[in-house]
Structures are given as structure tokens and as C-alpha cells.
Amino acid sequence: MRREAPNGRPCTKKFERIFRVAAAGARSKISRRPLTACTVSACLAPERSEWCCGAISSRSFTVLQLLDPKNFIRGIIRAMKKRPAVLIAVASALGIAGIAIAASQISDTFADTSKISQSYQLNVDTTAGQVKLAVWNCGDSFTDYRDGTAYTTVLIGTQCWMAKNLNYGTRVNGSGNQTNNGTVEKYCYSDSDANCTTYGGLYQWDEAMDYSSSCNGTGEGSPACASPVRGICPDGWHIPSHYEYVALERAVCTSGTCTTDFPYDTSTTGWRGTNEGTSLKQNGASGFEGLLAGYRDTDGSFSGLGSNGHFWSSLESGSSAWGRSLYSGNATVYRGTYSKAYGFSIRCLKD
């Protein structure tokens, strides 16, 4: 009878194979022992050699304890010749951070995130003939595996934001609408690729949402959607909800009227707050680095570069959708609804 992982899901066949290969290659003894410092996947080695891996969450689950870790790593290196995913999966499951191991160059980009424990991220550096792994934390940069674009990140309150506008997709001219054709399309201000490189792409709301349904959180306690919409964001990131923007605004608010300036409702619009817009703009105190990338108008023209910037949320309102605007001449933040046909910037938020 198959045992279940600590989170109630069946054992993972992929991890079973990976650990068997690595352990066999190392000829290492393995036992079940508690590791109180563990904060990653809980992996069990039951008596019948069935391997179970649960989701990341616990400091108290019983996890694999390697009695001979040096030999185990040697086994991993040998196994990598045929299975490049072994080192990533084992290091992620055991919470090994910052290890550097001499190895031949790896061509695998690790775009297949199933090789890494669920919802867990590692920085992978294969320069100078070494494999270097380190736990990814908000504030570190990350690379979108889809096109190799690097993004900085920033922790604001409890939210991890991109500190750079999304720039992903194939450029189309502003004269036409973006379409649901299986290809992510973007506008570049004045139809110039250089502007996308500097300011990020501009997207109509439906395109940004990847033609998914609208969603919002329920309020202050749960500002995120029950099922956040990834849209065109990288895996593990999503389009912020209207209420997640409220949470951002409150996190950077320093006045005594934050709750009334930034309410969790869908009726309050207009310029809000005191100096939150200044904090969210480029070189502001928050680190959000809101670029004034301008916008693509509904008639296909472009306007506002260097003067204003606009950001979509995941919440629609009829033929419009909620968003936020920052202007060079305003210290506050504008919130309201805009025609979905506008081309606005996207800031992705970590799941």
C-alpha cells in the first residue's frame, strides 16, 4: 500500500527515481531523522524504501538525513551525467543552500519547474565549471526562463514585487489590437523596441490576463484572489488584484489616514493619499521603481512617456478594468477604471 506525503498527496514518482539514483551512486546509508531547521520539502524514507515528498511548509516533518553527505554528493555528480535534474531536485528537497560543486557545463536551463520542489526557488549559477545553488529570496534578481530577461525584485510590506515593468512577448504595432492567438503580444512605445527594453511592454487588459477571467481578493485579510491569475507573468508570479494594490498603497502610506485614503472597496476612485505616488515612482523610498512608461491609447497612438505610467490589476468592471496611475506632477496615486483597450504596463507580484 502506497504511503502518502505529509501534505496528503501521493508519493512523487519523479523524486522516487531521483533519490534512488543518487543514493545508489553514493552507496550511502540513509535514515529517518528529524531536522528541526528544515523549511523545505518533507521527504520520508519508510522501511519499504518508498519515497514520499510533500510540499514546502514544515520545520518539524521527518526528512532525509544523509549519514555520509560527501559520498552522497559524489553519487549525485555521477548521476548527473545521465540525469541533470538530480542535483537540483536533491538540493531543493534537502534545503542545501550555497553549495558549489565542480561539474561539467550543464546545458539544461531548468525551465521545467517540476524538477524543483513545488513553490521553492533556487538560484542556479553554472559559470566557471561549477554548479552553485543558493536559496532565492525576495530582493534578489531572477531571470524569466521564457526569454532570459532579468528582473529585480523588492519586498514591500509582505508582498514581493517586480521592481521593473514586465517586458515579454512579440512586438506588434500600436495601430492594431492585440489578439488571442496563442502568442503573447506587446506594444512598445512609438513602436520602438528600444522603449520596451527601457520601459517594458504595454498590454491591453485581456492580453495581460492571457484571456483569463477577472478576479479580486475579499478585503484586508485576503487581498489576493482565491486563485491568482498568472496571465502573462512568469511562472510563480501573477497579475496583482485590485485589493493587492490597496495593500501596496497602505504599506507605503505614512499618514494617519491610510485606511480611509486607500479603502478596500470598488467604489472609491480618484487621486488618493499624500505622498505614496512619490514613494512608488522611480527612485522613490519604496523601491517599487514605478516607471512613467506612458500608454498606448485606444486609437492606436502613444502618449505620456516620461510623464505618466499606468498599471493593470486583475479586476474588471464591465468593459473596463481597475488600474493605478502615477504622474510626474502628482505626489499621490490615481485609482480608477480604464477601457480594457488601453495599453498599460504590468507589474507582476510573487505568488
Protein backbone atom coordinates (compact mmCIF):
# COMPACT_ATOMS: atom_id res chain seq x y z
CA MET A 1 0.00 0.00 0.00
CA ARG A 2 1.48 3.34 -1.02
CA ARG A 3 2.07 5.82 1.75
CA GLU A 4 1.12 9.42 1.32
CA ALA A 5 3.23 12.53 1.65
CA PRO A 6 2.82 14.72 4.77
CA ASN A 7 0.51 17.04 2.88
CA GLY A 8 -1.74 14.14 1.91
CA ARG A 9 -0.66 13.84 -1.72
CA PRO A 10 0.61 10.57 -3.23
CA CYS A 11 4.35 9.92 -3.37
CA THR A 12 6.09 11.54 -6.30
CA LYS A 13 7.49 9.05 -8.79
CA LYS A 14 10.00 11.58 -10.15
CA PHE A 15 11.54 12.15 -6.71
CA GLU A 16 11.50 8.42 -6.02
CA ARG A 17 13.66 7.80 -9.07
CA ILE A 18 15.96 10.76 -8.38
CA PHE A 19 16.73 9.77 -4.81
CA ARG A 20 17.19 6.12 -5.68
CA VAL A 21 19.73 7.03 -8.38
CA ALA A 22 21.62 9.47 -6.15
CA ALA A 23 21.65 7.15 -3.14
CA ALA A 24 22.77 4.17 -5.20
CA GLY A 25 25.52 6.20 -6.82
CA ALA A 26 26.82 7.28 -3.42
CA ARG A 27 26.45 3.91 -1.72
CA SER A 28 25.35 5.99 1.26
CA LYS A 29 23.27 4.97 4.24
CA ILE A 30 20.04 6.88 4.72
CA SER A 31 17.84 7.06 7.78
CA ARG A 32 14.78 8.88 9.08
CA ARG A 33 15.67 11.64 11.49
CA PRO A 34 14.02 14.95 12.41
CA LEU A 35 15.74 18.11 11.22
CA THR A 36 14.24 20.96 13.19
CA ALA A 37 15.83 23.60 10.96
CA CYS A 38 14.28 22.23 7.79
CA THR A 39 11.97 24.60 5.96
CA VAL A 40 11.71 22.79 2.63
CA SER A 41 10.08 19.65 1.24
CA ALA A 42 9.50 16.91 3.79
CA CYS A 43 10.84 13.65 2.42
CA LEU A 44 10.35 10.31 4.08
CA ALA A 45 12.34 7.12 3.68
CA PRO A 46 9.96 4.42 5.00
CA GLU A 47 11.17 0.92 5.72
CA ARG A 48 9.96 -0.41 2.39
CA SER A 49 12.07 2.15 0.52
CA GLU A 50 9.06 4.07 -0.74
CA TRP A 51 9.94 7.73 -1.11
CA CYS A 52 7.43 10.45 -0.34
CA CYS A 53 7.88 14.16 -0.85
CA GLY A 54 5.49 16.75 0.49
CA ALA A 55 5.09 20.45 -0.13
CA ILE A 56 7.31 23.05 1.48
CA SER A 57 5.94 24.19 4.79
CA SER A 58 7.14 22.44 7.91
CA ARG A 59 10.02 22.69 10.36
CA SER A 60 9.02 19.51 12.14
CA PHE A 61 8.49 16.92 9.39
CA THR A 62 10.86 13.97 9.32
CA VAL A 63 13.23 14.43 6.39
CA LEU A 64 16.13 12.63 4.80
CA GLN A 65 19.28 12.80 6.88
CA LEU A 66 22.41 11.82 4.97
CA LEU A 67 24.83 9.87 7.15
CA ASP A 68 27.59 10.31 4.60
CA PRO A 69 26.85 13.55 2.71
CA LYS A 70 30.20 13.76 0.92
CA ASN A 71 29.73 10.36 -0.68
CA PHE A 72 26.13 11.23 -1.42
CA ILE A 73 27.21 14.35 -3.33
CA ARG A 74 29.75 12.29 -5.26
CA GLY A 75 26.90 9.97 -6.20
CA ILE A 76 24.88 12.93 -7.36
CA ILE A 77 27.71 14.13 -9.60
CA ARG A 78 27.99 10.69 -11.17
CA ALA A 79 24.24 10.54 -11.63
CA MET A 80 24.21 13.97 -13.29
CA LYS A 81 25.99 12.54 -16.32
CA LYS A 82 22.73 10.89 -17.26
CA ARG A 83 20.22 12.89 -15.19
CA PRO A 84 20.98 16.65 -14.95
CA ALA A 85 17.90 17.18 -12.77
CA VAL A 86 19.33 15.14 -9.88
CA LEU A 87 21.42 17.86 -8.25
CA ILE A 88 18.67 20.48 -8.37
CA ALA A 89 15.98 18.17 -7.02
CA VAL A 90 18.11 16.77 -4.18
CA ALA A 91 19.45 20.17 -3.10
CA SER A 92 15.95 21.66 -3.16
CA ALA A 93 14.39 18.80 -1.23
CA LEU A 94 17.09 18.85 1.45
CA GLY A 95 17.39 22.63 1.71
CA ILE A 96 21.07 22.72 0.73
CA ALA A 97 21.99 26.36 0.15
CA GLY A 98 25.11 27.89 -1.31
CA ILE A 99 26.90 24.65 -2.24
CA ALA A 100 29.48 24.75 -5.01
CA ILE A 101 30.42 21.56 -6.77
CA ALA A 102 32.90 21.11 -9.62
CA ALA A 103 30.99 19.76 -12.61
CA SER A 104 30.97 19.82 -16.36
CA GLN A 105 28.92 22.50 -18.05
CA ILE A 106 25.15 21.93 -17.78
CA SER A 107 23.03 22.81 -20.81
CA ASP A 108 19.72 22.29 -19.02
CA THR A 109 18.05 25.65 -18.36
CA PHE A 110 15.81 24.14 -15.68
CA ALA A 111 12.82 25.68 -17.40
CA ASP A 112 10.91 22.59 -16.31
CA THR A 113 9.97 23.73 -12.81
CA SER A 114 8.79 20.24 -11.89
CA LYS A 115 12.47 19.48 -11.32
CA ILE A 116 12.40 21.78 -8.32
CA SER A 117 10.27 21.28 -5.21
CA GLN A 118 6.88 22.91 -5.51
CA SER A 119 6.85 26.67 -4.88
CA TYR A 120 10.54 26.63 -3.95
CA GLN A 121 13.13 28.62 -5.85
CA LEU A 122 16.87 28.27 -6.16
CA ASN A 123 19.36 30.48 -7.92
CA VAL A 124 21.43 28.33 -10.25
CA ASP A 125 24.85 29.52 -11.43
CA THR A 126 26.86 27.25 -13.76
CA THR A 127 29.76 29.60 -14.51
CA ALA A 128 33.44 28.68 -14.21
CA GLY A 129 32.72 24.96 -14.47
CA GLN A 130 30.80 24.90 -11.19
CA VAL A 131 27.22 24.39 -10.14
CA LYS A 132 26.28 26.88 -7.42
CA LEU A 133 22.93 26.73 -5.69
CA ALA A 134 21.51 29.33 -3.34
CA VAL A 135 18.04 29.85 -1.91
CA TRP A 136 16.22 32.65 -3.75
CA ASN A 137 14.89 35.46 -1.56
CA CYS A 138 12.79 38.46 -2.46
CA GLY A 139 15.18 41.30 -3.19
CA ASP A 140 17.32 39.03 -5.36
CA SER A 141 17.08 39.33 -9.11
CA PHE A 142 15.61 36.49 -11.14
CA THR A 143 15.59 35.55 -14.81
CA ASP A 144 12.45 34.83 -16.76
CA TYR A 145 13.28 31.45 -18.29
CA ARG A 146 10.97 32.14 -21.24
CA ASP A 147 13.23 34.76 -22.83
CA GLY A 148 16.19 35.29 -20.49
CA THR A 149 15.09 38.74 -19.29
CA ALA A 150 16.40 39.60 -15.82
CA TYR A 151 14.19 41.37 -13.25
CA THR A 152 14.97 42.98 -9.94
CA THR A 153 12.54 42.43 -7.07
CA VAL A 154 11.59 44.25 -3.89
CA LEU A 155 9.80 43.30 -0.69
CA ILE A 156 7.20 45.92 0.29
CA GLY A 157 5.30 45.04 3.43
CA THR A 158 4.62 41.33 2.99
CA GLN A 159 4.45 41.47 -0.81
CA CYS A 160 7.24 40.60 -3.23
CA TRP A 161 7.02 42.78 -6.34
CA MET A 162 8.91 43.03 -9.56
CA ALA A 163 10.90 46.27 -9.40
CA LYS A 164 10.76 46.52 -13.17
CA ASN A 165 7.96 46.55 -15.74
CA LEU A 166 7.29 43.26 -17.48
CA ASN A 167 8.81 43.04 -20.95
CA TYR A 168 7.68 39.78 -22.51
CA GLY A 169 6.14 38.91 -25.84
CA THR A 170 6.34 39.68 -29.52
CA ARG A 171 6.03 43.34 -30.51
CA VAL A 172 3.04 44.35 -32.60
CA ASN A 173 2.31 47.83 -33.93
CA GLY A 174 0.11 50.09 -31.86
CA SER A 175 -2.26 50.62 -34.78
CA GLY A 176 -3.95 47.25 -34.15
CA ASN A 177 -5.45 45.43 -31.19
CA GLN A 178 -3.72 42.53 -29.50
CA THR A 179 -5.42 39.20 -30.19
CA ASN A 180 -5.93 35.83 -28.54
CA ASN A 181 -3.77 33.89 -30.99
CA GLY A 182 -1.56 31.79 -28.70
CA THR A 183 1.30 34.32 -28.85
CA VAL A 184 1.86 36.95 -26.16
CA GLU A 185 1.84 40.31 -27.92
CA LYS A 186 3.16 43.61 -26.58
CA TYR A 187 3.25 47.22 -27.67
CA CYS A 188 6.46 49.20 -27.45
CA TYR A 189 6.05 52.95 -27.06
CA SER A 190 6.19 54.59 -30.50
CA ASP A 191 6.62 51.08 -31.95
CA SER A 192 10.26 51.18 -30.84
CA ASP A 193 11.88 48.03 -29.43
CA ALA A 194 14.32 50.22 -27.51
CA ASN A 195 11.44 51.64 -25.46
CA CYS A 196 10.37 48.15 -24.44
CA THR A 197 13.92 47.44 -23.31
CA THR A 198 13.90 50.54 -21.11
CA TYR A 199 10.28 50.83 -20.01
CA GLY A 200 8.78 47.38 -20.54
CA GLY A 201 5.93 46.35 -22.78
CA LEU A 202 2.43 47.82 -22.91
CA TYR A 203 -0.51 45.42 -22.87
CA GLN A 204 -4.25 45.58 -23.33
CA TRP A 205 -6.06 44.12 -20.31
CA ASP A 206 -7.24 40.90 -21.95
CA GLU A 207 -3.77 40.20 -23.30
CA ALA A 208 -2.17 40.87 -19.90
CA MET A 209 -4.61 38.44 -18.32
CA ASP A 210 -3.87 35.87 -21.02
CA TYR A 211 -7.64 35.92 -21.62
CA SER A 212 -8.41 34.60 -18.13
CA SER A 213 -11.38 35.64 -16.01
CA SER A 214 -11.37 38.67 -13.72
CA CYS A 215 -10.71 38.21 -10.02
CA ASN A 216 -10.16 40.15 -6.80
CA GLY A 217 -9.48 39.46 -3.14
CA THR A 218 -12.11 39.70 -0.43
CA GLY A 219 -10.65 42.51 1.67
CA GLU A 220 -7.90 43.48 4.05
CA GLY A 221 -7.43 39.96 5.41
CA SER A 222 -7.34 38.39 1.96
CA PRO A 223 -6.33 40.92 -0.70
CA ALA A 224 -5.20 38.25 -3.18
CA CYS A 225 -7.57 36.36 -5.46
CA ALA A 226 -8.52 32.89 -4.27
CA SER A 227 -6.83 31.67 -7.45
CA PRO A 228 -4.44 34.42 -8.59
CA VAL A 229 -4.26 34.91 -12.35
CA ARG A 230 -0.80 34.29 -13.75
CA GLY A 231 -1.71 35.98 -17.01
CA ILE A 232 1.46 36.75 -18.97
CA CYS A 233 3.68 36.80 -15.86
CA PRO A 234 6.44 34.23 -15.36
CA ASP A 235 5.60 31.00 -13.57
CA GLY A 236 5.25 31.67 -9.83
CA TRP A 237 4.09 35.28 -10.36
CA HIS A 238 0.69 36.78 -11.09
CA ILE A 239 -1.25 39.87 -12.13
CA PRO A 240 -1.97 41.83 -8.91
CA SER A 241 -5.58 42.11 -7.82
CA HIS A 242 -7.20 45.49 -7.16
CA TYR A 243 -7.01 44.79 -3.42
CA GLU A 244 -3.35 43.75 -3.63
CA TYR A 245 -2.68 47.24 -4.97
CA VAL A 246 -4.58 48.60 -1.97
CA ALA A 247 -2.28 46.56 0.28
CA LEU A 248 0.73 48.04 -1.54
CA GLU A 249 -0.57 51.58 -1.12
CA ARG A 250 -1.18 51.07 2.59
CA ALA A 251 2.29 49.53 3.00
CA VAL A 252 3.96 52.71 1.71
CA CYS A 253 1.49 55.09 3.36
CA THR A 254 2.92 57.09 6.28
CA SER A 255 -0.01 59.38 7.09
CA GLY A 256 -2.57 58.80 9.81
CA THR A 257 -5.35 58.38 7.27
CA CYS A 258 -4.15 55.32 5.35
CA THR A 259 -7.28 53.22 5.86
CA THR A 260 -9.60 55.96 4.62
CA ASP A 261 -7.26 57.09 1.83
CA PHE A 262 -6.95 53.54 0.50
CA PRO A 263 -10.15 51.63 1.24
CA TYR A 264 -10.85 48.05 0.27
CA ASP A 265 -13.81 48.83 -1.98
CA THR A 266 -14.72 49.12 -5.64
CA SER A 267 -16.44 52.49 -5.42
CA THR A 268 -13.66 54.89 -4.40
CA THR A 269 -11.78 56.44 -7.33
CA GLY A 270 -9.57 59.46 -7.98
CA TRP A 271 -6.32 60.79 -6.55
CA ARG A 272 -5.63 59.15 -3.21
CA GLY A 273 -3.22 59.60 -0.32
CA THR A 274 -0.48 62.13 0.34
CA ASN A 275 2.98 61.17 -0.94
CA GLU A 276 2.51 57.49 -1.87
CA GLY A 277 2.88 58.22 -5.58
CA THR A 278 6.29 59.77 -4.97
CA SER A 279 7.31 56.73 -2.95
CA LEU A 280 6.23 54.33 -5.70
CA LYS A 281 7.85 56.19 -8.60
CA GLN A 282 11.38 55.66 -9.84
CA ASN A 283 13.96 56.47 -7.14
CA GLY A 284 11.19 56.62 -4.55
CA ALA A 285 11.61 55.35 -1.00
CA SER A 286 9.60 52.15 -1.53
CA GLY A 287 11.89 50.57 -4.12
CA PHE A 288 8.91 49.86 -6.38
CA GLU A 289 10.56 51.94 -9.13
CA GLY A 290 7.35 52.78 -10.97
CA LEU A 291 8.44 53.87 -14.44
CA LEU A 292 6.49 56.57 -16.26
CA ALA A 293 6.24 54.43 -19.40
CA GLY A 294 3.27 56.24 -20.94
CA TYR A 295 0.47 54.25 -22.57
CA ARG A 296 -0.99 53.09 -25.84
CA ASP A 297 -4.27 54.93 -26.45
CA THR A 298 -7.46 53.26 -27.71
CA ASP A 299 -6.95 54.86 -31.13
CA GLY A 300 -3.53 53.23 -31.53
CA SER A 301 -1.44 56.29 -30.70
CA PHE A 302 1.06 56.58 -27.85
CA SER A 303 1.21 59.25 -25.18
CA GLY A 304 2.69 60.17 -21.82
CA LEU A 305 6.23 58.75 -21.92
CA GLY A 306 8.18 60.28 -19.04
CA SER A 307 5.03 61.99 -17.77
CA ASN A 308 2.76 59.17 -16.56
CA GLY A 309 2.65 55.44 -16.01
CA HIS A 310 -0.32 53.07 -15.69
CA PHE A 311 -0.62 49.55 -14.28
CA TRP A 312 -3.37 46.97 -14.75
CA SER A 313 -4.94 44.93 -11.96
CA SER A 314 -6.78 41.63 -12.44
CA LEU A 315 -10.23 43.10 -11.67
CA GLU A 316 -12.57 44.11 -14.46
CA SER A 317 -15.57 46.41 -14.33
CA GLY A 318 -17.74 45.77 -17.35
CA SER A 319 -15.77 46.78 -20.46
CA SER A 320 -13.19 48.46 -18.23
CA ALA A 321 -10.71 47.23 -15.62
CA TRP A 322 -9.18 48.61 -12.44
CA GLY A 323 -5.71 50.06 -12.51
CA ARG A 324 -3.32 52.55 -10.94
CA SER A 325 -1.65 55.65 -12.37
CA LEU A 326 1.42 57.63 -11.39
CA TYR A 327 2.11 61.13 -12.78
CA SER A 328 5.29 63.17 -12.69
CA GLY A 329 3.46 66.20 -11.32
CA ASN A 330 1.47 64.38 -8.62
CA ALA A 331 2.68 63.01 -5.31
CA THR A 332 -0.43 60.87 -4.88
CA VAL A 333 -1.78 57.74 -6.61
CA TYR A 334 -4.73 57.67 -9.00
CA ARG A 335 -7.03 54.66 -8.83
CA GLY A 336 -9.90 54.01 -11.16
CA THR A 337 -11.22 52.01 -14.09
CA TYR A 338 -9.97 52.31 -17.66
CA SER A 339 -11.05 50.90 -21.02
CA LYS A 340 -9.50 47.46 -21.49
CA ALA A 341 -8.33 48.65 -24.93
CA TYR A 342 -5.62 50.86 -23.41
CA GLY A 343 -2.08 49.52 -23.45
CA PHE A 344 -0.71 49.71 -19.90
CA SER A 345 2.34 48.42 -18.03
CA ILE A 346 2.34 45.22 -15.98
CA ARG A 347 4.00 44.66 -12.62
CA CYS A 348 3.94 41.04 -11.57
CA LEU A 349 3.52 40.00 -7.93
CA LYS A 350 5.02 36.86 -6.40
CA ASP A 351 2.56 34.07 -5.58
